[in-house]
Every structure is written in structure tokens, then in C-alpha cells.
Amino acid sequence: MASESPPFWWHEPDWRAYCLSPFASLYGAVASHRMRRARREKIALPVLCVGNLTVGGSGKTPVAIALAQAARTMNLTPGFLSRGHGGSFGEPHLVDARHDSARHVGDEPLLLAEHAPVAVTPNRAAGAKLLAGEGCDFVIMDDGFQSARIHIDYALIVLDARYGIGNGFVIPAGPLRAPLVDQLRFVDSVLTVGEGDKADDVVRKTSRAGKAFFQAHVRPRDPARLAGRRFLAFAGIGHPEKFFDSVTAAGGTVALSRSFPDHHFFADDELAEMAGTAEMAGLDLITTAKDAARLLGSTLPQGFAERMTVLGIDAVFELDQTGPRIIADTLGAWRRRRGVA
């Protein structure tokens, strides 16, 4: 994950990337072979994959939620399919946002479950069947682009415009999960999120291949709550600095910040330190919705919850028809797969 990955992954290639390139070549060859040769199981429902090319956060989850909302406007009943980071269920499990914890199902599935049914399982075909049993007729797969477990009718790749694909090298020399060219063969369209030019090269390659390109930005929910307030901001996400910038853009002041690895579960001493520091400095606490999901069920220091604000974000497509178009293209590919006009 980005906050756990070496910082050099996200800058121009240097000696470390080149020294690790032999290992990256081996890793990339295995990943590419799996993507090309895997026998992907075809399921009855249309499958839209919202994935990325690299490790680290790119904004997939808000985009998946926005697409579920678009699907509902088209009289579909969407369901989410997720592996669940750190999930502990061996069999396919339908997420219960009221009773499940992030330790059991992962933090992102808890956020998704606020919007549509979520099946968590490494066996994606079995998870899709579970969703079908819940009345879902459209599957949105959060991540899983490289897993090669089930047939994907439409693959949307989400790229953070600020970070792109980093130094362009494959793990462990860089953040790519497989060589770029090999991954782009399986891509139907690319969506960039946010401001920046780091994804421009991928966009050009995608456009030359005749594939669609879309744009989106993130919008904080109810930013008026932050105006004039000073915060100790903390986040355990792929790129914590993006969250800190969002707080500032919404009118808050990040007086102090704490960054943690992606999907981090906070220890008691970490929470106590932040609570004490915020109180001494006269600051409020603020965090992301993902981090708040991991705090559910935790024993928080006295006054922590009362002092804490959760800043949720929404993905907003630059063009209103982006979501419906992606849903329609997925349905078209599914009908062709099924031999239906």
C-alpha cells in the first residue's frame, strides 16, 4: 500500500528501482502470465470491475459507490463484490454493517455496505452467486482486476491524477502490479481522479488503443462543518496527504497530522497519544470514513469520539453521463457474452 511502500516508488526512477528491476521482471512475468492464461469463470450476472494498475489508494471505493448509484437510476439492483482486506471469513459472507467489524470483513466493505449488498470472499464466483441470491442483478467488483478469477465484462481502471503509476516499475522496483502494456490489454476504460498530470501517459496510451477516458473529482461531504476549525488530522490510507489537503480545501486547518499505513488498526497508545496531544493543543480530531470504520468497536480514550469529526468524500464524475455510459457498456458486453442481442 502506498503509505507502506517505499517513497521512491512515487518519484522518478533512481538507482533503487534499477537495482530491483531483475526481481521486478520476474514478478511481472508471473503476473502477466496469470492474467493472460487464467481460466476465468463466467457467471450469470454482468460484472463491472473497478480496479487499478498499482498498489495503493487511487479512489476506487468512492467511484464504485458512484457507479452503484448510477446503476440504480437505470432500474438495476447492484451488489458489491470484494475480497475484503484482512477479512477472516473462509466462506462467502454477506456484510452486515451493523454487526460486522473491519477486522472481520475489511474497512472498505463496511463503507460499501451503506449503499448496496456486499459479498466478501476470495472466491469471487461464489460471492457473485451469493449476491444473486440477494436479488442483485449487477455486480460491481471493488478491485480484483489482476485476480483472474472470474470473467470481467467491463474493466474500469481508476488512476489518481496526482500519483499516476509512480516510477512506472513493477513490484518490488515500483508500484505496478504487472507490466503496464500487459495490463492495458484487459482495460476497457480509464478514469482519472483529482488534479495532476501524472496519469497523462497512461491516458495517452489508452486513447491510442481506442479505449474510453473519463474524469472525476472528489467532493467532501458537508464541508461547512470544518470552516474555521483547527484539527489534528490522522489517516491510515494509501496517500494520507490527500486527506490532509481535502481538510484544508474544505476550510479546516490541519495544525498537526499523523500518517499510518493503509488499513491500519490503531493501538491504544496511538489513540491515547493523539487524544492527549489534541487536548493540550486545543485541537479537534478529524479522520477519514475508512479510518472511522476501523475504529468501530474500539475502546476509545475519554472524549475522543466527542472531539472527532469524520470527513466523508464522494466521487463526482466530470460529465453526468459517465456513470450511465459505463453501466450501459457493461450491460452491452454482458449481452454479447450471453449471445443476447
Protein backbone atom coordinates (compact mmCIF):
# COMPACT_ATOMS: atom_id res chain seq x y z
CA MET A 1 0.00 0.00 0.00
CA ALA A 2 1.18 3.49 -0.77
CA SER A 3 1.87 4.57 2.80
CA GLU A 4 3.66 1.27 3.43
CA SER A 5 5.52 1.31 0.13
CA PRO A 6 8.97 2.84 -0.36
CA PRO A 7 8.69 6.56 -1.14
CA PHE A 8 10.96 6.11 -4.16
CA TRP A 9 8.16 4.22 -5.90
CA TRP A 10 6.31 7.51 -6.40
CA HIS A 11 9.16 9.56 -7.89
CA GLU A 12 11.33 9.39 -10.98
CA PRO A 13 13.21 6.04 -11.24
CA ASP A 14 16.50 6.03 -9.37
CA TRP A 15 19.24 3.51 -8.60
CA ARG A 16 16.99 1.58 -6.23
CA ALA A 17 14.43 0.93 -8.94
CA TYR A 18 17.11 -0.18 -11.39
CA CYS A 19 18.82 -2.45 -8.84
CA LEU A 20 15.48 -4.16 -8.13
CA SER A 21 14.45 -4.40 -11.78
CA PRO A 22 15.57 -8.07 -12.19
CA PHE A 23 13.20 -9.08 -9.39
CA ALA A 24 10.52 -6.85 -10.90
CA SER A 25 10.92 -8.62 -14.24
CA LEU A 26 10.32 -11.97 -12.60
CA TYR A 27 7.32 -10.73 -10.62
CA GLY A 28 5.89 -9.05 -13.70
CA ALA A 29 6.32 -12.14 -15.86
CA VAL A 30 4.37 -14.27 -13.38
CA ALA A 31 1.62 -11.67 -13.02
CA SER A 32 1.30 -11.23 -16.78
CA HIS A 33 1.16 -14.99 -17.38
CA ARG A 34 -1.62 -15.33 -14.84
CA MET A 35 -3.65 -12.56 -16.44
CA ARG A 36 -3.22 -13.99 -19.95
CA ARG A 37 -3.71 -17.68 -19.28
CA ALA A 38 -6.17 -17.81 -16.39
CA ARG A 39 -9.42 -19.65 -16.95
CA ARG A 40 -11.88 -17.02 -15.80
CA GLU A 41 -15.20 -18.40 -14.66
CA LYS A 42 -18.18 -16.84 -16.42
CA ILE A 43 -21.05 -16.04 -14.09
CA ALA A 44 -24.68 -15.28 -14.89
CA LEU A 45 -24.60 -11.62 -13.86
CA PRO A 46 -22.87 -8.70 -15.62
CA VAL A 47 -19.56 -7.85 -13.93
CA LEU A 48 -18.09 -4.35 -13.80
CA CYS A 49 -14.60 -4.29 -12.28
CA VAL A 50 -13.38 -1.08 -10.66
CA GLY A 51 -9.65 -1.71 -10.36
CA ASN A 52 -6.26 -0.09 -10.52
CA LEU A 53 -2.85 -0.75 -12.03
CA THR A 54 -0.80 -0.23 -8.88
CA VAL A 55 -0.82 -0.93 -5.18
CA GLY A 56 -2.03 1.92 -3.02
CA GLY A 57 -5.16 4.01 -2.92
CA SER A 58 -6.48 5.53 -6.14
CA GLY A 59 -10.05 6.33 -5.10
CA LYS A 60 -11.72 3.11 -6.24
CA THR A 61 -14.24 2.83 -3.41
CA PRO A 62 -15.95 6.23 -3.89
CA VAL A 63 -16.04 5.53 -7.63
CA ALA A 64 -17.63 2.11 -7.05
CA ILE A 65 -20.29 3.76 -4.87
CA ALA A 66 -20.98 6.41 -7.54
CA LEU A 67 -21.41 3.66 -10.15
CA ALA A 68 -23.82 1.77 -7.90
CA GLN A 69 -25.89 4.93 -7.64
CA ALA A 70 -25.86 5.24 -11.44
CA ALA A 71 -26.92 1.60 -11.79
CA ARG A 72 -29.93 2.20 -9.55
CA THR A 73 -31.06 5.09 -11.74
CA MET A 74 -31.16 2.56 -14.59
CA ASN A 75 -33.50 0.27 -12.61
CA LEU A 76 -30.76 -2.18 -11.72
CA THR A 77 -30.10 -3.74 -8.32
CA PRO A 78 -26.31 -3.56 -7.85
CA GLY A 79 -24.23 -5.54 -5.40
CA PHE A 80 -20.56 -5.19 -4.49
CA LEU A 81 -18.02 -7.97 -4.66
CA SER A 82 -14.90 -7.56 -2.52
CA ARG A 83 -12.07 -9.71 -1.27
CA GLY A 84 -12.05 -7.68 1.93
CA HIS A 85 -8.64 -6.52 3.13
CA GLY A 86 -7.72 -8.64 6.12
CA GLY A 87 -11.12 -10.34 6.17
CA SER A 88 -11.40 -13.54 8.19
CA PHE A 89 -14.30 -15.37 6.54
CA GLY A 90 -13.44 -18.58 4.70
CA GLU A 91 -16.84 -18.86 3.03
CA PRO A 92 -18.61 -16.09 1.11
CA HIS A 93 -20.08 -13.67 3.62
CA LEU A 94 -22.73 -11.00 3.21
CA VAL A 95 -21.57 -7.92 5.09
CA ASP A 96 -23.77 -6.70 7.93
CA ALA A 97 -22.75 -3.10 8.58
CA ARG A 98 -24.45 -3.15 11.99
CA HIS A 99 -22.67 -6.18 13.39
CA ASP A 100 -19.53 -6.91 11.35
CA SER A 101 -16.24 -5.27 12.20
CA ALA A 102 -13.44 -4.12 9.92
CA ARG A 103 -11.21 -6.84 11.37
CA HIS A 104 -13.63 -9.44 10.05
CA VAL A 105 -14.64 -8.02 6.68
CA GLY A 106 -12.26 -5.11 5.96
CA ASP A 107 -12.88 -1.37 6.13
CA GLU A 108 -13.90 -0.73 2.52
CA PRO A 109 -16.70 -3.37 2.53
CA LEU A 110 -18.22 -1.63 5.56
CA LEU A 111 -18.37 1.62 3.58
CA LEU A 112 -19.79 -0.12 0.52
CA ALA A 113 -22.44 -1.87 2.61
CA GLU A 114 -24.03 1.51 3.35
CA HIS A 115 -25.05 1.65 -0.31
CA ALA A 116 -25.71 -1.90 -1.56
CA PRO A 117 -25.25 -5.56 -0.54
CA VAL A 118 -21.60 -6.60 -0.27
CA ALA A 119 -20.23 -10.13 -0.59
CA VAL A 120 -16.75 -10.63 0.88
CA THR A 121 -14.74 -13.64 -0.27
CA PRO A 122 -11.55 -14.63 -2.13
CA ASN A 123 -13.83 -16.90 -4.21
CA ARG A 124 -15.36 -14.20 -6.36
CA ALA A 125 -17.59 -16.56 -8.35
CA ALA A 126 -19.16 -17.84 -5.15
CA GLY A 127 -19.54 -14.27 -3.92
CA ALA A 128 -21.36 -13.30 -7.10
CA LYS A 129 -23.77 -16.19 -6.64
CA LEU A 130 -24.42 -15.01 -3.08
CA LEU A 131 -25.29 -11.55 -4.41
CA ALA A 132 -27.62 -13.07 -7.00
CA GLY A 133 -29.41 -14.84 -4.16
CA GLU A 134 -29.94 -11.45 -2.51
CA GLY A 135 -31.72 -10.18 -5.60
CA CYS A 136 -28.79 -8.34 -7.19
CA ASP A 137 -28.68 -8.27 -10.98
CA PHE A 138 -25.48 -6.25 -11.49
CA VAL A 139 -22.06 -6.91 -9.88
CA ILE A 140 -19.56 -4.17 -9.15
CA MET A 141 -16.23 -5.73 -8.23
CA ASP A 142 -14.16 -3.44 -6.00
CA ASP A 143 -10.57 -4.25 -7.01
CA GLY A 144 -9.69 -7.71 -8.34
CA PHE A 145 -8.60 -6.57 -11.79
CA GLN A 146 -5.48 -8.75 -11.70
CA SER A 147 -7.04 -11.69 -9.83
CA ALA A 148 -8.20 -13.51 -12.98
CA ARG A 149 -10.82 -15.47 -11.01
CA ILE A 150 -13.99 -14.53 -12.90
CA HIS A 151 -14.78 -13.15 -16.33
CA ILE A 152 -14.96 -9.35 -16.29
CA ASP A 153 -17.42 -7.81 -18.73
CA TYR A 154 -16.04 -4.31 -18.32
CA ALA A 155 -12.79 -3.23 -16.65
CA LEU A 156 -12.61 0.37 -15.46
CA ILE A 157 -9.19 1.41 -14.19
CA VAL A 158 -9.05 4.25 -11.66
CA LEU A 159 -5.92 6.38 -11.59
CA ASP A 160 -5.02 9.11 -9.14
CA ALA A 161 -4.04 12.06 -11.34
CA ARG A 162 -1.61 13.23 -8.66
CA TYR A 163 0.40 9.99 -8.48
CA GLY A 164 -0.37 8.04 -11.66
CA ILE A 165 1.68 4.85 -11.84
CA GLY A 166 4.60 6.24 -9.85
CA ASN A 167 8.01 5.44 -11.33
CA GLY A 168 6.44 3.01 -13.83
CA PHE A 169 8.27 -0.06 -12.47
CA VAL A 170 6.72 -3.32 -11.31
CA ILE A 171 6.85 -4.57 -7.70
CA PRO A 172 9.34 -4.54 -5.91
CA ALA A 173 11.01 -1.82 -8.01
CA GLY A 174 7.82 0.22 -8.25
CA PRO A 175 4.08 0.15 -7.56
CA LEU A 176 2.78 -1.55 -10.74
CA ARG A 177 1.12 -4.93 -10.15
CA ALA A 178 2.14 -6.14 -13.62
CA PRO A 179 3.81 -4.53 -16.67
CA LEU A 180 1.72 -1.62 -17.92
CA VAL A 181 1.31 -2.84 -21.50
CA ASP A 182 0.20 -6.28 -20.35
CA GLN A 183 -2.40 -4.79 -18.02
CA LEU A 184 -3.77 -2.32 -20.58
CA ARG A 185 -4.74 -5.24 -22.85
CA PHE A 186 -7.52 -6.08 -20.41
CA VAL A 187 -8.68 -2.48 -19.77
CA ASP A 188 -11.90 -1.09 -21.26
CA SER A 189 -11.57 2.47 -19.97
CA VAL A 190 -9.57 4.69 -17.63
CA LEU A 191 -10.92 7.16 -15.08
CA THR A 192 -8.60 9.76 -13.56
CA VAL A 193 -9.49 11.21 -10.17
CA GLY A 194 -8.33 14.60 -8.93
CA GLU A 195 -5.90 17.18 -10.27
CA GLY A 196 -2.46 16.49 -11.72
CA ASP A 197 -0.66 15.22 -14.80
CA LYS A 198 0.95 12.01 -13.51
CA ALA A 199 -1.63 9.81 -15.26
CA ASP A 200 -1.31 11.55 -18.64
CA ASP A 201 0.99 8.95 -20.18
CA VAL A 202 -1.43 6.13 -19.35
CA VAL A 203 -4.33 8.19 -20.71
CA ARG A 204 -2.46 8.73 -23.99
CA LYS A 205 -1.70 5.03 -24.35
CA THR A 206 -5.32 4.15 -23.58
CA SER A 207 -6.65 6.70 -26.07
CA ARG A 208 -4.33 5.46 -28.82
CA ALA A 209 -5.77 2.00 -28.26
CA GLY A 210 -9.25 3.40 -28.91
CA LYS A 211 -10.42 3.00 -25.33
CA ALA A 212 -12.52 5.49 -23.40
CA PHE A 213 -11.18 8.05 -20.93
CA PHE A 214 -13.20 9.69 -18.13
CA GLN A 215 -12.51 12.18 -15.35
CA ALA A 216 -13.80 12.64 -11.82
CA HIS A 217 -13.02 14.62 -8.70
CA VAL A 218 -13.70 14.06 -5.02
CA ARG A 219 -16.06 16.29 -3.07
CA PRO A 220 -16.06 16.47 0.74
CA ARG A 221 -19.44 15.94 2.36
CA ASP A 222 -20.79 18.93 4.29
CA PRO A 223 -17.54 20.96 4.22
CA ALA A 224 -19.20 23.81 6.14
CA ARG A 225 -18.64 21.78 9.34
CA LEU A 226 -14.88 22.36 9.01
CA ALA A 227 -14.79 26.09 8.37
CA GLY A 228 -12.62 27.94 10.88
CA ARG A 229 -11.73 24.83 12.90
CA ARG A 230 -8.23 23.60 13.75
CA PHE A 231 -7.50 19.90 13.66
CA LEU A 232 -5.14 17.11 14.46
CA ALA A 233 -5.80 15.09 11.31
CA PHE A 234 -4.97 11.39 11.19
CA ALA A 235 -5.34 8.80 8.46
CA GLY A 236 -4.32 5.26 7.64
CA ILE A 237 -4.99 5.24 3.92
CA GLY A 238 -2.94 4.85 0.75
CA HIS A 239 -1.99 8.52 0.47
CA PRO A 240 -2.75 10.32 3.76
CA GLU A 241 -1.57 13.65 2.40
CA LYS A 242 -4.56 13.69 0.03
CA PHE A 243 -6.85 13.62 3.04
CA PHE A 244 -4.97 16.42 4.76
CA ASP A 245 -5.29 18.52 1.60
CA SER A 246 -9.04 17.77 1.49
CA VAL A 247 -9.44 19.08 5.03
CA THR A 248 -7.65 22.29 4.06
CA ALA A 249 -9.66 22.67 0.85
CA ALA A 250 -12.87 22.29 2.85
CA GLY A 251 -11.94 25.24 5.08
CA GLY A 252 -10.30 23.50 8.03
CA THR A 253 -6.77 23.98 9.30
CA VAL A 254 -4.51 20.94 9.73
CA ALA A 255 -2.38 22.11 12.65
CA LEU A 256 -0.96 18.64 13.28
CA SER A 257 -1.11 15.39 11.33
CA ARG A 258 -0.48 11.71 11.88
CA SER A 259 0.04 9.25 9.00
CA PHE A 260 -0.36 5.49 9.36
CA PRO A 261 -0.09 2.54 6.95
CA ASP A 262 -3.08 1.74 4.74
CA HIS A 263 -5.79 -0.28 6.57
CA HIS A 264 -4.03 0.35 9.89
CA PHE A 265 -5.76 -0.74 13.11
CA PHE A 266 -4.96 1.81 15.79
CA ALA A 267 -3.31 0.69 19.01
CA ASP A 268 -4.49 2.02 22.35
CA ASP A 269 -1.30 4.01 22.87
CA GLU A 270 -1.64 5.64 19.43
CA LEU A 271 -5.19 6.75 20.19
CA ALA A 272 -4.16 7.98 23.64
CA GLU A 273 -1.27 9.98 22.21
CA MET A 274 -3.50 11.68 19.64
CA ALA A 275 -6.21 12.39 22.21
CA GLY A 276 -3.73 13.91 24.66
CA THR A 277 -1.93 15.97 22.03
CA ALA A 278 -5.19 17.33 20.61
CA GLU A 279 -6.46 18.29 24.05
CA MET A 280 -3.25 20.04 25.04
CA ALA A 281 -3.13 21.96 21.75
CA GLY A 282 -6.83 22.83 21.79
CA LEU A 283 -7.44 20.95 18.55
CA ASP A 284 -10.30 18.84 17.29
CA LEU A 285 -9.62 15.43 15.75
CA ILE A 286 -10.53 14.58 12.17
CA THR A 287 -10.16 11.39 10.14
CA THR A 288 -11.46 9.58 7.07
CA ALA A 289 -14.55 7.40 6.78
CA LYS A 290 -12.30 4.37 6.23
CA ASP A 291 -10.41 5.05 9.45
CA ALA A 292 -13.65 5.64 11.32
CA ALA A 293 -14.89 2.23 10.12
CA ARG A 294 -11.82 0.60 11.68
CA LEU A 295 -12.43 2.44 14.94
CA LEU A 296 -15.93 0.98 15.31
CA GLY A 297 -16.00 -1.32 18.31
CA SER A 298 -12.71 0.03 19.68
CA THR A 299 -12.37 1.31 23.20
CA LEU A 300 -11.60 4.97 22.64
CA PRO A 301 -9.93 7.31 25.14
CA GLN A 302 -12.31 9.51 27.10
CA GLY A 303 -13.59 12.38 24.99
CA PHE A 304 -12.05 11.00 21.77
CA ALA A 305 -15.34 10.34 19.98
CA GLU A 306 -16.80 13.69 21.00
CA ARG A 307 -13.74 15.53 19.70
CA MET A 308 -13.56 13.55 16.42
CA THR A 309 -15.03 14.61 13.08
CA VAL A 310 -15.32 12.16 10.18
CA LEU A 311 -14.86 13.66 6.73
CA GLY A 312 -16.55 11.56 4.08
CA ILE A 313 -15.97 12.12 0.37
CA ASP A 314 -17.93 11.43 -2.79
CA ALA A 315 -16.63 10.79 -6.29
CA VAL A 316 -18.24 13.16 -8.78
CA PHE A 317 -17.93 12.47 -12.50
CA GLU A 318 -16.99 15.48 -14.62
CA LEU A 319 -19.73 14.53 -17.11
CA ASP A 320 -23.13 13.49 -15.83
CA GLN A 321 -23.44 10.69 -18.37
CA THR A 322 -20.18 8.98 -17.38
CA GLY A 323 -21.76 6.61 -14.84
CA PRO A 324 -24.73 5.58 -17.02
CA ARG A 325 -22.42 5.09 -20.00
CA ILE A 326 -20.11 2.75 -18.09
CA ILE A 327 -23.10 0.79 -16.78
CA ALA A 328 -24.62 0.59 -20.29
CA ASP A 329 -21.32 -0.56 -21.84
CA THR A 330 -21.01 -3.25 -19.17
CA LEU A 331 -24.52 -4.47 -19.94
CA GLY A 332 -23.74 -4.47 -23.66
CA ALA A 333 -20.62 -6.60 -23.16
CA TRP A 334 -22.59 -8.97 -20.90
CA ARG A 335 -25.34 -9.39 -23.50
CA ARG A 336 -22.76 -10.17 -26.20
CA ARG A 337 -21.17 -12.72 -23.89
CA ARG A 338 -24.57 -14.32 -23.36
CA GLY A 339 -25.43 -14.20 -27.03
CA VAL A 340 -28.34 -11.85 -26.45
CA ALA A 341 -29.00 -9.07 -28.95
